[in-house]
Amino acid sequence: MTPQQQFAEEIMSGWAPEKLRAPGLRVESLNPQHKQPSTKPRVLNPTRFLCRSEVRKFLLHEAARTRAHKFTRVSEETLIEINEHIRACLVSYVRRLPSKGKTI
């Protein structure tokens, strides 16, 4: 067995000295049933400060109570804009805190 074949077997078995491992190396399995973990990028939630369903309910209820026209939907842009207003309020609140203490 050549050194290259031996190295390939070590890589396939999952063992290789740290200095020989290439960073980010993905080794394909010879087993056709073996699935590689997906490496999809994480999708960031554009409205992480909101409970979207509750905000939608509140907006539609408030619109029905105060407006003559009946609204039936809330757009994604509206939710993102409200999320940004909440984020700005939170940042402003933290900046106004005194510099002493441990609890917000």
N, C-alpha and C. Protein backbone atom coordinates (compact mmCIF):
# COMPACT_ATOMS: atom_id res chain seq x y z
N MET A 1 0.85 -1.18 0.00
CA MET A 1 0.00 0.00 0.00
C MET A 1 0.90 1.24 0.00
N THR A 2 0.61 2.15 -0.91
CA THR A 2 1.43 3.37 -1.01
C THR A 2 1.05 4.34 0.10
N PRO A 3 1.94 5.29 0.40
CA PRO A 3 1.60 6.29 1.43
C PRO A 3 0.35 7.10 1.08
N GLN A 4 0.12 7.35 -0.20
CA GLN A 4 -1.06 8.10 -0.61
C GLN A 4 -2.34 7.29 -0.32
N GLN A 5 -2.29 5.99 -0.60
CA GLN A 5 -3.44 5.13 -0.33
C GLN A 5 -3.69 5.03 1.17
N GLN A 6 -2.62 4.93 1.94
CA GLN A 6 -2.76 4.86 3.40
C GLN A 6 -3.36 6.15 3.94
N PHE A 7 -2.88 7.29 3.44
CA PHE A 7 -3.42 8.58 3.88
C PHE A 7 -4.91 8.69 3.52
N ALA A 8 -5.27 8.25 2.30
CA ALA A 8 -6.67 8.30 1.88
C ALA A 8 -7.54 7.44 2.78
N GLU A 9 -7.04 6.26 3.18
CA GLU A 9 -7.81 5.40 4.08
C GLU A 9 -7.97 6.05 5.44
N GLU A 10 -6.92 6.69 5.94
CA GLU A 10 -7.01 7.37 7.23
C GLU A 10 -8.03 8.49 7.18
N ILE A 11 -8.03 9.25 6.09
CA ILE A 11 -9.00 10.34 5.93
C ILE A 11 -10.41 9.77 5.88
N MET A 12 -10.60 8.69 5.11
CA MET A 12 -11.93 8.09 4.98
C MET A 12 -12.42 7.52 6.30
N SER A 13 -11.51 7.01 7.13
CA SER A 13 -11.93 6.44 8.40
C SER A 13 -12.15 7.53 9.45
N GLY A 14 -11.79 8.75 9.14
CA GLY A 14 -12.01 9.85 10.08
C GLY A 14 -10.80 10.18 10.91
N TRP A 15 -9.71 9.40 10.79
CA TRP A 15 -8.52 9.68 11.56
C TRP A 15 -7.45 10.25 10.67
N ALA A 16 -6.87 11.31 11.09
CA ALA A 16 -5.68 11.87 10.45
C ALA A 16 -5.08 12.84 11.45
N PRO A 17 -3.76 12.91 11.53
CA PRO A 17 -3.15 13.88 12.44
C PRO A 17 -3.63 15.29 12.12
N GLU A 18 -3.80 16.10 13.14
CA GLU A 18 -4.33 17.45 12.98
C GLU A 18 -3.55 18.26 11.95
N LYS A 19 -2.22 18.11 11.95
CA LYS A 19 -1.43 18.92 11.01
C LYS A 19 -1.62 18.49 9.56
N LEU A 20 -2.13 17.27 9.34
CA LEU A 20 -2.34 16.79 7.98
C LEU A 20 -3.75 17.08 7.47
N ARG A 21 -4.69 17.39 8.38
CA ARG A 21 -6.05 17.65 7.95
C ARG A 21 -6.16 19.02 7.31
N ALA A 22 -6.77 19.07 6.18
CA ALA A 22 -6.99 20.36 5.51
C ALA A 22 -8.24 20.99 6.12
N PRO A 23 -8.20 22.29 6.46
CA PRO A 23 -9.38 22.92 7.03
C PRO A 23 -10.52 22.93 6.01
N GLY A 24 -11.71 22.58 6.48
CA GLY A 24 -12.88 22.60 5.61
C GLY A 24 -12.95 21.43 4.65
N LEU A 25 -12.11 20.39 4.86
CA LEU A 25 -12.10 19.25 3.96
C LEU A 25 -13.37 18.44 4.15
N ARG A 26 -14.07 18.19 3.06
CA ARG A 26 -15.26 17.33 3.10
C ARG A 26 -14.92 16.05 2.36
N VAL A 27 -15.09 14.93 3.03
CA VAL A 27 -14.79 13.64 2.44
C VAL A 27 -16.10 12.97 2.09
N GLU A 28 -16.23 12.56 0.85
CA GLU A 28 -17.44 11.87 0.41
C GLU A 28 -17.39 10.43 0.90
N SER A 29 -18.51 9.96 1.39
CA SER A 29 -18.60 8.60 1.88
C SER A 29 -18.73 7.63 0.72
N LEU A 30 -18.17 6.44 0.88
CA LEU A 30 -18.33 5.40 -0.13
C LEU A 30 -19.66 4.68 0.03
N ASN A 31 -20.31 4.86 1.18
CA ASN A 31 -21.60 4.25 1.44
C ASN A 31 -22.68 5.10 0.78
N PRO A 32 -23.47 4.54 -0.17
CA PRO A 32 -24.47 5.35 -0.87
C PRO A 32 -25.61 5.81 0.04
N GLN A 33 -25.85 5.12 1.17
CA GLN A 33 -26.92 5.53 2.06
C GLN A 33 -26.50 6.63 3.04
N HIS A 34 -25.20 6.89 3.13
CA HIS A 34 -24.72 7.90 4.06
C HIS A 34 -25.02 9.29 3.50
N LYS A 35 -25.63 10.13 4.32
CA LYS A 35 -25.97 11.49 3.90
C LYS A 35 -25.04 12.48 4.58
N GLN A 36 -24.49 13.39 3.82
CA GLN A 36 -23.68 14.47 4.38
C GLN A 36 -24.61 15.47 5.05
N PRO A 37 -24.21 16.06 6.17
CA PRO A 37 -25.04 17.09 6.78
C PRO A 37 -25.16 18.29 5.84
N SER A 38 -26.33 18.87 5.81
CA SER A 38 -26.52 20.01 4.90
C SER A 38 -25.74 21.20 5.43
N THR A 39 -25.18 21.95 4.53
CA THR A 39 -24.40 23.12 4.92
C THR A 39 -25.06 24.38 4.40
N LYS A 40 -26.41 24.40 4.44
CA LYS A 40 -27.12 25.59 3.99
C LYS A 40 -26.84 26.74 4.96
N PRO A 41 -26.72 27.93 4.46
CA PRO A 41 -26.53 29.06 5.37
C PRO A 41 -27.78 29.28 6.20
N ARG A 42 -27.57 29.71 7.44
CA ARG A 42 -28.71 29.99 8.32
C ARG A 42 -29.49 31.17 7.80
N VAL A 43 -30.80 31.03 7.84
CA VAL A 43 -31.66 32.14 7.45
C VAL A 43 -31.95 32.95 8.70
N LEU A 44 -31.65 34.22 8.63
CA LEU A 44 -31.89 35.08 9.78
C LEU A 44 -33.33 35.55 9.78
N ASN A 45 -33.94 35.53 10.95
CA ASN A 45 -35.32 35.96 11.09
C ASN A 45 -35.36 37.49 11.03
N PRO A 46 -36.07 38.06 10.06
CA PRO A 46 -36.10 39.52 9.95
C PRO A 46 -36.95 40.18 11.03
N THR A 47 -37.73 39.40 11.77
CA THR A 47 -38.57 39.98 12.83
C THR A 47 -38.36 39.21 14.12
N ARG A 48 -37.13 39.15 14.59
CA ARG A 48 -36.84 38.33 15.76
C ARG A 48 -37.36 38.92 17.07
N PHE A 49 -37.74 40.19 17.09
CA PHE A 49 -38.26 40.79 18.31
C PHE A 49 -39.78 40.72 18.38
N LEU A 50 -40.41 40.10 17.41
CA LEU A 50 -41.88 40.08 17.33
C LEU A 50 -42.43 38.67 17.37
N CYS A 51 -43.63 38.56 17.92
CA CYS A 51 -44.46 37.38 17.70
C CYS A 51 -45.38 37.79 16.56
N ARG A 52 -45.04 37.35 15.36
CA ARG A 52 -45.69 37.84 14.15
C ARG A 52 -47.20 37.63 14.18
N SER A 53 -47.66 36.48 14.64
CA SER A 53 -49.09 36.21 14.63
C SER A 53 -49.84 37.16 15.57
N GLU A 54 -49.26 37.44 16.74
CA GLU A 54 -49.91 38.35 17.69
C GLU A 54 -49.92 39.78 17.18
N VAL A 55 -48.83 40.19 16.53
CA VAL A 55 -48.77 41.54 15.96
C VAL A 55 -49.81 41.68 14.86
N ARG A 56 -49.92 40.67 14.01
CA ARG A 56 -50.93 40.71 12.95
C ARG A 56 -52.33 40.82 13.53
N LYS A 57 -52.63 39.99 14.54
CA LYS A 57 -53.96 40.03 15.18
C LYS A 57 -54.24 41.41 15.75
N PHE A 58 -53.25 41.96 16.46
CA PHE A 58 -53.45 43.27 17.07
C PHE A 58 -53.67 44.35 16.02
N LEU A 59 -52.85 44.36 14.97
CA LEU A 59 -53.00 45.38 13.93
C LEU A 59 -54.36 45.29 13.24
N LEU A 60 -54.80 44.09 12.91
CA LEU A 60 -56.09 43.93 12.24
C LEU A 60 -57.24 44.29 13.17
N HIS A 61 -57.13 43.93 14.44
CA HIS A 61 -58.17 44.28 15.42
C HIS A 61 -58.24 45.80 15.60
N GLU A 62 -57.09 46.42 15.74
CA GLU A 62 -57.04 47.87 15.93
C GLU A 62 -57.56 48.60 14.69
N ALA A 63 -57.23 48.10 13.51
CA ALA A 63 -57.71 48.72 12.28
C ALA A 63 -59.22 48.58 12.17
N ALA A 64 -59.75 47.41 12.53
CA ALA A 64 -61.21 47.20 12.47
C ALA A 64 -61.92 48.10 13.47
N ARG A 65 -61.30 48.35 14.62
CA ARG A 65 -61.91 49.17 15.65
C ARG A 65 -61.90 50.66 15.31
N THR A 66 -60.83 51.11 14.64
CA THR A 66 -60.67 52.56 14.45
C THR A 66 -60.82 53.05 13.03
N ARG A 67 -60.79 52.18 12.04
CA ARG A 67 -60.83 52.61 10.64
C ARG A 67 -62.14 52.17 9.99
N ALA A 68 -62.61 52.94 9.03
CA ALA A 68 -63.85 52.61 8.33
C ALA A 68 -63.63 51.49 7.33
N HIS A 69 -62.46 51.46 6.72
CA HIS A 69 -62.15 50.43 5.73
C HIS A 69 -61.73 49.15 6.44
N LYS A 70 -62.14 47.99 5.93
CA LYS A 70 -61.77 46.72 6.55
C LYS A 70 -60.45 46.22 5.95
N PHE A 71 -59.44 46.05 6.80
CA PHE A 71 -58.16 45.49 6.39
C PHE A 71 -58.19 43.98 6.65
N THR A 72 -57.58 43.22 5.76
CA THR A 72 -57.58 41.76 5.92
C THR A 72 -56.19 41.15 5.99
N ARG A 73 -55.16 41.90 5.60
CA ARG A 73 -53.81 41.36 5.59
C ARG A 73 -52.82 42.37 6.16
N VAL A 74 -51.68 41.82 6.62
CA VAL A 74 -50.57 42.65 7.10
C VAL A 74 -49.35 42.25 6.28
N SER A 75 -48.71 43.22 5.65
CA SER A 75 -47.58 42.90 4.77
C SER A 75 -46.32 42.58 5.56
N GLU A 76 -45.42 41.88 4.89
CA GLU A 76 -44.12 41.55 5.48
C GLU A 76 -43.32 42.83 5.76
N GLU A 77 -43.43 43.80 4.87
CA GLU A 77 -42.71 45.07 5.06
C GLU A 77 -43.17 45.78 6.33
N THR A 78 -44.47 45.72 6.61
CA THR A 78 -44.99 46.35 7.84
C THR A 78 -44.40 45.68 9.07
N LEU A 79 -44.34 44.36 9.06
CA LEU A 79 -43.78 43.64 10.21
C LEU A 79 -42.29 43.96 10.38
N ILE A 80 -41.57 44.04 9.29
CA ILE A 80 -40.14 44.36 9.39
C ILE A 80 -39.95 45.78 9.91
N GLU A 81 -40.78 46.71 9.45
CA GLU A 81 -40.68 48.09 9.92
C GLU A 81 -40.98 48.20 11.41
N ILE A 82 -42.01 47.50 11.87
CA ILE A 82 -42.34 47.50 13.31
C ILE A 82 -41.21 46.88 14.10
N ASN A 83 -40.62 45.80 13.59
CA ASN A 83 -39.48 45.17 14.25
C ASN A 83 -38.32 46.16 14.39
N GLU A 84 -38.06 46.94 13.35
CA GLU A 84 -36.97 47.92 13.41
C GLU A 84 -37.26 49.03 14.43
N HIS A 85 -38.52 49.44 14.53
CA HIS A 85 -38.89 50.44 15.55
C HIS A 85 -38.66 49.88 16.96
N ILE A 86 -39.01 48.62 17.17
CA ILE A 86 -38.81 47.99 18.48
C ILE A 86 -37.32 47.87 18.77
N ARG A 87 -36.53 47.47 17.77
CA ARG A 87 -35.08 47.36 17.97
C ARG A 87 -34.48 48.71 18.34
N ALA A 88 -34.93 49.77 17.66
CA ALA A 88 -34.42 51.11 17.96
C ALA A 88 -34.81 51.52 19.38
N CYS A 89 -36.02 51.19 19.81
CA CYS A 89 -36.44 51.50 21.19
C CYS A 89 -35.56 50.76 22.21
N LEU A 90 -35.26 49.49 21.93
CA LEU A 90 -34.43 48.72 22.84
C LEU A 90 -33.01 49.29 22.93
N VAL A 91 -32.45 49.64 21.79
CA VAL A 91 -31.10 50.23 21.77
C VAL A 91 -31.10 51.54 22.55
N SER A 92 -32.11 52.37 22.32
CA SER A 92 -32.21 53.65 23.01
C SER A 92 -32.35 53.45 24.51
N TYR A 93 -33.14 52.47 24.91
CA TYR A 93 -33.34 52.20 26.33
C TYR A 93 -32.02 51.79 27.00
N VAL A 94 -31.28 50.89 26.35
CA VAL A 94 -30.01 50.42 26.93
C VAL A 94 -29.01 51.56 27.01
N ARG A 95 -28.97 52.44 26.03
CA ARG A 95 -28.02 53.56 26.05
C ARG A 95 -28.34 54.57 27.15
N ARG A 96 -29.60 54.66 27.56
CA ARG A 96 -29.97 55.61 28.61
C ARG A 96 -29.73 55.08 30.01
N LEU A 97 -29.38 53.81 30.15
CA LEU A 97 -29.16 53.23 31.47
C LEU A 97 -27.91 53.83 32.11
N PRO A 98 -27.91 53.89 33.44
CA PRO A 98 -26.69 54.37 34.11
C PRO A 98 -25.56 53.36 33.90
N SER A 99 -24.34 53.85 34.00
CA SER A 99 -23.18 52.98 33.75
C SER A 99 -22.87 52.07 34.92
N LYS A 100 -23.57 52.23 36.04
CA LYS A 100 -23.34 51.37 37.20
C LYS A 100 -24.41 50.28 37.23
N GLY A 101 -24.10 49.19 37.89
CA GLY A 101 -25.07 48.12 38.08
C GLY A 101 -24.88 46.98 37.10
N LYS A 102 -25.57 45.87 37.39
CA LYS A 102 -25.43 44.68 36.57
C LYS A 102 -26.75 44.29 35.91
N THR A 103 -27.85 44.79 36.41
CA THR A 103 -29.16 44.37 35.91
C THR A 103 -29.78 45.47 35.07
N ILE A 104 -30.35 45.07 33.95
CA ILE A 104 -31.06 46.04 33.12
C ILE A 104 -32.45 46.21 33.70
